[in-house]
Amino acid sequence: MGKKVKKEAETCPKDVFDPLPIESKTAATAVLMLSSPEEEVLAKACEAIHKFAEKGDENKTCLMCLGAIEPLSHLISHEDKIVRRNAVMALAVMASNNEVKKRLKCLDVIPAIISKLSPEENVMVHEFATLCLTSLSVDFSYKIQIFDSNGLEPLIQLLSSPDPDVKKNSVECIFNLVQDVQNRAAVQRLNGLPPLLDLLRSEFPVIQQLALRTIEKITTDTETCVAFRNVQGFERILEVVAMKEFSDLHEMALRVILNCLEDTQSMQLFQTMGGLEQLLQCVGTSTVAEVQANAVKAVAKMAQSSENRKILHERNIEKTLTDLLMQENESVRMAVCQAVATVSQNLSSRDTFRCLDAIRPIVQLLNSEGSELRTAAAEALSSLTNSNNLNAYAIYDAEGDRLLVRQLQDSCTGAAVHAASALTNMASQEDLRKSILSHEAMPALVELLHSTDNNILISATQAVASLTCDAEARQELRNVGGLSALVQLLKSINAEIRRNASWAISVCANDEITALELCNVGALEILQEINLSSHRSNKFSQLALQKLMDSNLSLKYSLTGHLSSSDITTDGFYDPGQIRMGHQFPVLEDISKQVVNQHRATIAVNGNPQNQFITKGPEEGKQDSPTETPSSSVLSGKRSSKTPSKTKAKGHKEEDEKKKEEDECKPQQEMMVEETWSLPYDAAFHNLVKEAAESIMPLQDEVKMYTALAMLVCDAMGGRVEPQKLHDFLWELHISELKFEACSNIVLIGKIKKGTYFHRALLFKVLADRIGLSCSLIRGEYNRAWNEILIMGPKKTYGYSQPESYIIDLMHQPGNLIKSNSQAALIYQTI
């Protein structure tokens, strides 16, 4: 027997180790085995680690602490298929642990995992490799690594795998990846839409849901929406919506439809496929609030097309939406309000909503706690009142104007914007304007004028422009300090804000007091600057400047050098000379304070004794104290707040006389109390007005009236002057004497006895305005000015006579009519 053992020993190779079966009961041993060179040992160790890791999160952490991550990350690329498979399975299970994810970031394991998605690998490797990527892809840094390692393409290919687990893991991983914008576009470029749409027909609900969620996310990309339309995406989605057994998918399917109805082509295609009918069916039959809300949102998207609005109106969409307003669900009511806003762009729909009494419940939604719902309700009311006065009154009847004004103070930007828009629409009716203002709308709007949000400023300025049609509203705007805020908005870089602010200012400038205050806070200078710019100027800024000038004819004449026949001058008018656009216009009171200088005299008009400052005692003041005329308010930058007593006035008079004796050359302003300065009464001018009224108004012939007025002006201003003797007509010396005599740079027009062209033209204009004759005043160069009048020409054989324009000579041949645009007119204007 010894020989036999010896023989067997001789036949066995000396370097072969006999198999040693090992039974390990600790994870640490299994981890140590991952370093074995034997494939069988590696496979069994990976399998054991996989099973241990599946038992809980603590086990995964334990394995990581034992050092299992590094060897496993290498073994997933082992040349042996079984080792490779088991390593992938173990690593995939462990990758769901957050600590393991952090550790894997240091190992650059993503390329190796992606390589396991190749078609050469078996289904089990595909399943766990995609599971591993799914766990890791929730982290943003892993998303970038997967994208940079071209992981999307193999994942999209695996969507067509026959194995449902591989499909589920692949689509879930893609869903995680498309949370990042660049991956959404990449899915479309890699033709990922068709396999995703195919998954909607899967028998596994979880795969259907993941596919829909992924499609919903990627269709937020414009190019993907176009691709969706081209691969029959609407058809697949409508299949889901049409099947009752897929009711759990309807909400997501409708969200996909919402994303893809952005362009006209998609809406047309959806309409031809019967999509609108299915949406309406969802709205009317579904009992799931989220489904109803998304269906209504889709209807609103469809209603962006005018043709679709007509179709919806024919399908009585207004009744459906009105019924849904009764829902308690906030998301449904919010969607309905948004749909009402869009559908109401159809004129007939606005009236239908009113007839269905939909306006009252929408108004009540302004009381909602949710800011989004209040915003949607305000938006609906804004749309309903657009060019529809009956709807505006319906809101008023429901006390909606009060709630809309309250909405102006809402912290939600959208709520304030749409509320202001609705109030703007309602303000077209006078009684509604008064009601709106009674709820303190103006202070709320002025507060909005200080906002930094452009949308708020645009809506607020529109509302101010609409509400300030009445004098009371303009007074309230002044009282709450709104004019200054409005003027500051003229400096906005936003063109629409500038345009709306200009519009509001043009409305406010309809009364002289407001126009004056606008000028005082800088509106005039800013508007001049805007209108000098070809980029910033607009029709409203031009209108606003024109309105400001129309309210102050002195300003208008100085800036433009032209007063039309409709510009009627009054007492207080003055001509400081031509000023250039952008330069500040001098106030008459400020001119009166200046020391007499060598500059051109300011010619002023005041033929009304009451425009002098007249003192009265308290008793007299109650009965017949003089009222401040519109022209007198233009004369100074501030108005008196008190009327001095008779005794005080007498004291001032004595003091003035004493000062005059002491220093006659001091400015006229120093002879009067500063607060009560006014333009002195021009008795000579008053007499000229009286003479013109008595001698000219009785004349019947129009030409004779103009001629007689011309003669009167000529006589008053030094008589006829031959052209060749103009240099002997020393009018400048005369004006200087008047300035010295009055100790002021202001000269009353009635005191001028030697006047040149511009003096005579001004006198002709102010006299004509007072006796009802029509004429314009035009300033030329080199101290020239002239008046143009319209005289009816001879009656033609056929047709009516036409008025013809003439310049009337006031200097050389008083009363001579010179046809405008003639050579003689050119000579009069320039030579």
Foldseek 3Di string as FASTA:
>chain_A
DVVVVVVVVVVDDPPDDDDDDDDDDDLLVLLVQLPDPDLVSLLVSLQVLLVQLLVDLVSLVVCVVSPNLVSLLVQCPDPDLSSVLSSLSNLLSSLLHPVSLVVVVVVLSLLSLLVLLDPVHDPSSLLSSLSSLLSNLLDPVSLVSCVVSVSLLSLLVQCPPPDVSSVLSSLSSLLSNLVDPVSLVVCVVSVSLVSLLVQCPDPDVSSNQSSLSNLLSSLLDPVVLVVCVVVCVLVSLVVLLPDPVNVVCLLSSLSSLLSNLQDPVSLVVCVVVVNLVSLVCQLPPDPDQSNNLSSLLSLLSSLQDVVSLVVCVVVVVLVSLLVQLPDPDLSNVLSSLSSLLSSLVDVVSLVVNVVVVSLLSLLVQLPPPDPSSVLSSLSNLLSSLAPPQVSLVSCVVSVSLLSLLVQLPDPDPSSNLSSLSNLLSNLVDPVSLVVNVVSVSLLSLLVLLPDPDPSSLLSSLSSLLSSLLDPVSLVVCVVNVSLLSLLVQCPDPDLSSVLSSLSNLLSSLQALVSLLVNVVSPNQLSLLVQCVDPVNDDPSSVSNNVSSCLSQVLVVCQEPQKDFLPNFDDALRKHPHHDYRNDRDDAQLVQLQDFDDLDAFIEGEAADQLQAQDAEAPVVCVPPNRDQDSSFVRRDSDAAPDGDHPVVVVVLQVVLVVVCVVPVLHGPCVSGDVNRDTDHHDNLLNVLLVVLQVPQLVDDDLLVSQLVLLQSLQQQAAHADAPVCPVVQPQSVVLSVQCRNNSGSYHYLSVHNHDDAQSSQVSSSNSCSSNVAGWMWGDAPDRHIWIKHWDFDDADPDDGTDTFIWTADNYHNRSDTHGPPDPVNVVNRPD
